[in-house]
Amino acid sequence: MQQQSAQLRWEQHTQRPLFGLALAFAVAYAVPIVQPDASAGVVDLCTAVEWVVWGAFALDYVIRLMLAEQRLAFVRTHWLDLGAVLLPLLQPMRLLRLVSTLLLVGQRARMASQIMLTTYVGGAVVGLLMFGSLAVLSVERDSPDGNIRTLGDAVWWSFTTMTTVGYGDHAPTTGLGRMLAVGLMLSGIALLGVVTANIAAWFIARFDKDDVEERRQTEAIRELTEEVRALRDELAALKGTSAK
């Protein structure tokens, strides 16, 4: 129990710093793509920041594993975290670091009880739009047959793909770009399902609350009616005693 409490304390204390590092990762990932003519020093600095952020999340996973009371159970229940930590080591690509960092950020966000579901979904939508646009732009910009050349084209494509509209005016032509499209489409469908379920749950909870309040008011009226009837009976008894 003490080790488990230490794990929970660690997760609570590192929640905000890790999200701050995730923001730093977002900036480091975006700069070389938005400014392809950036100097080699800037690119190297951004790459170093990306690796540092990924390393911080990897270290966070190791520490949580060491603090867990049942380590095998922790690995089984946090297999996605482990996969995200190992993913960039298999092939050190920027896109793999992006995917792994997004997965780790998402897992840590789900563990934060103070983060509301709607806030998480909204942040996930913005994050997927931003990173999806940057990722597809970096992949498709230099493709001979590609038609996603600017950041505006990439954002438009990401938005239409996530919403599963798919106008077809912009589409990836490389294999990696199409893999990104599949991931965005699946993510969009999943987020839409979460939003729909959240709205339905809110309506159900609202109706249940109204029903409970109505039953409470009905019970209060019934008790008040019984009290009035009892008072009438007592008053009638007093009148009868006075008449005698």
Protein backbone atom coordinates (compact mmCIF):
# COMPACT_ATOMS: atom_id res chain seq x y z
CA MET A 1 0.00 0.00 0.00
CA GLN A 2 2.86 2.34 0.81
CA GLN A 3 4.49 1.70 -2.58
CA GLN A 4 1.18 2.25 -4.33
CA SER A 5 0.72 5.53 -2.49
CA ALA A 6 4.22 6.55 -3.57
CA GLN A 7 3.27 5.77 -7.17
CA LEU A 8 0.13 7.88 -6.91
CA ARG A 9 2.07 10.75 -5.34
CA TRP A 10 4.62 10.57 -8.15
CA GLU A 11 1.91 10.67 -10.80
CA GLN A 12 0.25 13.66 -9.16
CA HIS A 13 3.50 15.61 -8.78
CA THR A 14 4.74 14.93 -12.32
CA GLN A 15 1.46 15.55 -14.13
CA ARG A 16 2.00 19.25 -14.89
CA PRO A 17 5.76 19.08 -15.57
CA LEU A 18 5.23 16.32 -18.12
CA PHE A 19 2.54 18.30 -19.90
CA GLY A 20 4.91 21.27 -19.95
CA LEU A 21 7.52 19.06 -21.59
CA ALA A 22 4.88 17.92 -24.07
CA LEU A 23 4.33 21.54 -25.08
CA ALA A 24 8.07 21.93 -25.56
CA PHE A 25 7.99 18.83 -27.76
CA ALA A 26 5.19 20.37 -29.83
CA VAL A 27 7.25 23.51 -30.48
CA ALA A 28 10.40 21.52 -31.26
CA TYR A 29 8.51 19.28 -33.66
CA ALA A 30 6.79 22.17 -35.44
CA VAL A 31 9.71 24.54 -35.99
CA PRO A 32 11.68 22.50 -38.59
CA ILE A 33 8.48 21.74 -40.51
CA VAL A 34 7.00 25.23 -40.52
CA GLN A 35 10.43 26.71 -41.30
CA PRO A 36 12.19 24.20 -43.57
CA ASP A 37 15.00 26.69 -44.19
CA ALA A 38 15.95 26.79 -40.50
CA SER A 39 19.63 26.53 -39.70
CA ALA A 40 21.27 23.23 -38.85
CA GLY A 41 21.80 24.40 -35.28
CA VAL A 42 18.08 25.06 -34.81
CA VAL A 43 17.19 21.67 -36.28
CA ASP A 44 19.70 19.90 -34.04
CA LEU A 45 18.34 21.77 -31.00
CA CYS A 46 14.76 20.76 -31.86
CA THR A 47 15.84 17.14 -32.32
CA ALA A 48 17.59 17.20 -28.95
CA VAL A 49 14.46 18.61 -27.28
CA GLU A 50 12.35 15.87 -28.84
CA TRP A 51 14.66 13.16 -27.51
CA VAL A 52 14.82 14.79 -24.08
CA VAL A 53 11.03 14.93 -23.82
CA TRP A 54 10.68 11.33 -24.96
CA GLY A 55 13.38 10.37 -22.45
CA ALA A 56 11.50 12.14 -19.65
CA PHE A 57 8.35 10.14 -20.41
CA ALA A 58 10.39 6.95 -20.63
CA LEU A 59 11.97 7.70 -17.25
CA ASP A 60 8.51 8.42 -15.85
CA TYR A 61 7.36 4.98 -16.99
CA VAL A 62 10.38 3.28 -15.38
CA ILE A 63 9.89 5.11 -12.08
CA ARG A 64 6.18 4.28 -11.98
CA LEU A 65 7.08 0.66 -12.70
CA MET A 66 9.56 0.62 -9.82
CA LEU A 67 7.03 2.19 -7.46
CA ALA A 68 4.22 -0.19 -8.45
CA GLU A 69 3.28 -2.79 -5.87
CA GLN A 70 2.72 -5.47 -8.52
CA ARG A 71 5.11 -4.80 -11.38
CA LEU A 72 3.89 -7.56 -13.68
CA ALA A 73 0.34 -6.32 -13.32
CA PHE A 74 1.56 -2.78 -14.01
CA VAL A 75 3.23 -3.92 -17.26
CA ARG A 76 0.08 -5.79 -18.33
CA THR A 77 -2.22 -2.86 -17.62
CA HIS A 78 0.18 -0.26 -19.09
CA TRP A 79 1.26 -2.13 -22.20
CA LEU A 80 0.50 0.87 -24.42
CA ASP A 81 2.89 3.00 -22.36
CA LEU A 82 5.60 0.38 -22.77
CA GLY A 83 5.02 0.21 -26.52
CA ALA A 84 5.22 3.98 -26.80
CA VAL A 85 8.50 4.00 -24.85
CA LEU A 86 10.07 1.29 -27.04
CA LEU A 87 8.72 2.55 -30.37
CA PRO A 88 11.35 5.21 -31.16
CA LEU A 89 14.16 2.79 -30.24
CA LEU A 90 13.15 0.41 -33.01
CA GLN A 91 13.73 3.04 -35.68
CA PRO A 92 14.73 6.57 -34.61
CA MET A 93 12.36 8.55 -36.84
CA ARG A 94 10.80 11.89 -35.90
CA LEU A 95 7.36 10.53 -36.76
CA LEU A 96 7.81 7.62 -34.36
CA ARG A 97 8.86 10.02 -31.61
CA LEU A 98 5.73 12.03 -32.38
CA VAL A 99 3.46 8.97 -32.16
CA SER A 100 5.08 7.68 -28.98
CA THR A 101 4.95 11.07 -27.25
CA LEU A 102 1.27 11.54 -28.15
CA LEU A 103 0.49 8.09 -26.77
CA LEU A 104 2.35 8.76 -23.53
CA VAL A 105 0.72 12.16 -23.09
CA GLY A 106 -2.69 10.59 -23.70
CA GLN A 107 -2.09 7.85 -21.14
CA ARG A 108 -0.97 10.33 -18.49
CA ALA A 109 -3.99 12.53 -19.23
CA ARG A 110 -6.36 9.61 -18.70
CA MET A 111 -4.84 8.99 -15.28
CA ALA A 112 -5.44 12.57 -14.17
CA SER A 113 -8.75 12.59 -12.32
CA GLN A 114 -8.80 16.38 -12.22
CA ILE A 115 -8.97 16.65 -15.98
CA MET A 116 -12.54 16.65 -17.20
CA LEU A 117 -13.45 14.41 -20.13
CA THR A 118 -14.58 17.30 -22.28
CA THR A 119 -11.30 19.13 -21.72
CA TYR A 120 -9.36 16.02 -22.61
CA VAL A 121 -11.36 15.45 -25.78
CA GLY A 122 -10.98 19.09 -26.81
CA GLY A 123 -7.24 18.95 -26.22
CA ALA A 124 -7.01 15.67 -28.12
CA VAL A 125 -8.81 17.18 -31.12
CA VAL A 126 -6.52 20.23 -31.21
CA GLY A 127 -3.42 18.11 -30.70
CA LEU A 128 -4.31 15.61 -33.41
CA LEU A 129 -5.15 18.40 -35.85
CA MET A 130 -1.88 20.17 -35.18
CA PHE A 131 0.41 17.15 -35.18
CA GLY A 132 -1.45 15.47 -38.02
CA SER A 133 -1.03 18.58 -40.14
CA LEU A 134 2.66 18.89 -39.34
CA ALA A 135 3.32 15.19 -39.87
CA VAL A 136 1.58 14.96 -43.23
CA LEU A 137 3.22 18.20 -44.39
CA SER A 138 6.68 16.87 -43.55
CA VAL A 139 5.94 13.65 -45.45
CA GLU A 140 4.06 15.00 -48.47
CA ARG A 141 5.73 18.34 -49.13
CA ASP A 142 8.66 16.83 -51.07
CA SER A 143 6.64 14.12 -52.78
CA PRO A 144 6.69 14.52 -56.61
CA ASP A 145 2.98 13.70 -56.92
CA GLY A 146 1.92 15.32 -53.65
CA ASN A 147 -0.63 18.13 -53.47
CA ILE A 148 -0.16 19.05 -49.79
CA ARG A 149 2.49 21.75 -50.06
CA THR A 150 1.61 24.36 -47.46
CA LEU A 151 0.59 24.35 -43.81
CA GLY A 152 -2.87 25.60 -44.79
CA ASP A 153 -3.34 22.63 -47.12
CA ALA A 154 -2.21 20.28 -44.36
CA VAL A 155 -4.57 21.76 -41.76
CA TRP A 156 -7.50 21.60 -44.18
CA TRP A 157 -6.69 18.00 -45.05
CA SER A 158 -6.38 17.03 -41.38
CA PHE A 159 -9.71 18.65 -40.52
CA THR A 160 -11.61 16.97 -43.36
CA THR A 161 -9.93 13.64 -42.60
CA MET A 162 -10.65 13.69 -38.87
CA THR A 163 -14.29 14.55 -39.51
CA THR A 164 -14.38 11.76 -42.14
CA VAL A 165 -15.71 14.22 -44.73
CA GLY A 166 -12.90 13.70 -47.21
CA TYR A 167 -13.52 16.19 -50.02
CA GLY A 168 -10.63 14.74 -51.98
CA ASP A 169 -9.12 18.07 -53.00
CA HIS A 170 -6.04 17.18 -50.96
CA ALA A 171 -4.89 13.63 -50.36
CA PRO A 172 -1.61 11.94 -49.39
CA THR A 173 0.27 10.09 -52.10
CA THR A 174 2.99 8.36 -50.08
CA GLY A 175 2.60 5.22 -48.06
CA LEU A 176 3.51 6.95 -44.83
CA GLY A 177 1.07 9.76 -45.56
CA ARG A 178 -1.73 7.27 -46.12
CA MET A 179 -0.88 5.58 -42.83
CA LEU A 180 -1.26 8.98 -41.17
CA ALA A 181 -4.62 9.37 -42.90
CA VAL A 182 -5.81 6.04 -41.50
CA GLY A 183 -4.70 7.03 -38.02
CA LEU A 184 -6.48 10.38 -38.23
CA MET A 185 -9.68 8.82 -39.53
CA LEU A 186 -9.75 6.21 -36.76
CA SER A 187 -8.94 8.90 -34.18
CA GLY A 188 -11.71 11.13 -35.52
CA ILE A 189 -14.26 8.32 -35.34
CA ALA A 190 -13.14 7.43 -31.80
CA LEU A 191 -13.32 11.05 -30.60
CA LEU A 192 -16.74 11.47 -32.19
CA GLY A 193 -17.91 8.38 -30.32
CA VAL A 194 -16.53 9.76 -27.06
CA VAL A 195 -18.25 13.11 -27.58
CA THR A 196 -21.55 11.43 -28.47
CA ALA A 197 -21.36 9.12 -25.46
CA ASN A 198 -20.47 12.04 -23.20
CA ILE A 199 -23.44 14.08 -24.40
CA ALA A 200 -25.78 11.10 -24.01
CA ALA A 201 -24.45 10.44 -20.51
CA TRP A 202 -25.01 14.10 -19.61
CA PHE A 203 -28.64 13.95 -20.75
CA ILE A 204 -29.23 10.69 -18.89
CA ALA A 205 -27.68 12.09 -15.73
CA ARG A 206 -29.78 15.23 -16.12
CA PHE A 207 -32.99 13.24 -16.53
CA ASP A 208 -32.08 11.04 -13.55
CA LYS A 209 -31.44 14.14 -11.45
CA ASP A 210 -34.78 15.64 -12.46
CA ASP A 211 -36.52 12.35 -11.70
CA VAL A 212 -34.90 12.15 -8.26
CA GLU A 213 -35.90 15.75 -7.55
CA GLU A 214 -39.47 15.06 -8.66
CA ARG A 215 -39.68 11.99 -6.43
CA ARG A 216 -38.29 14.01 -3.53
CA GLN A 217 -40.86 16.74 -4.03
CA THR A 218 -43.66 14.17 -4.34
CA GLU A 219 -42.55 12.54 -1.09
CA ALA A 220 -42.40 15.92 0.63
CA ILE A 221 -45.94 16.74 -0.55
CA ARG A 222 -47.18 13.37 0.68
CA GLU A 223 -45.62 13.90 4.11
CA LEU A 224 -47.07 17.41 4.27
CA THR A 225 -50.49 16.08 3.34
CA GLU A 226 -50.31 13.47 6.11
CA GLU A 227 -49.27 16.15 8.61
CA VAL A 228 -52.22 18.36 7.57
CA ARG A 229 -54.58 15.43 7.90
CA ALA A 230 -53.22 14.64 11.36
CA LEU A 231 -53.62 18.28 12.40
CA ARG A 232 -57.22 18.24 11.18
CA ASP A 233 -57.90 15.12 13.19
CA GLU A 234 -56.37 16.67 16.29
CA LEU A 235 -58.37 19.87 15.75
CA ALA A 236 -61.58 17.90 15.34
CA ALA A 237 -60.81 15.98 18.53
CA LEU A 238 -60.23 19.22 20.43
CA LYS A 239 -63.53 20.66 19.17
CA GLY A 240 -65.33 17.52 20.27
CA THR A 241 -63.80 17.74 23.76
CA SER A 242 -64.77 21.43 24.06
CA ALA A 243 -68.38 20.71 23.07
CA LYS A 244 -68.72 18.20 25.88
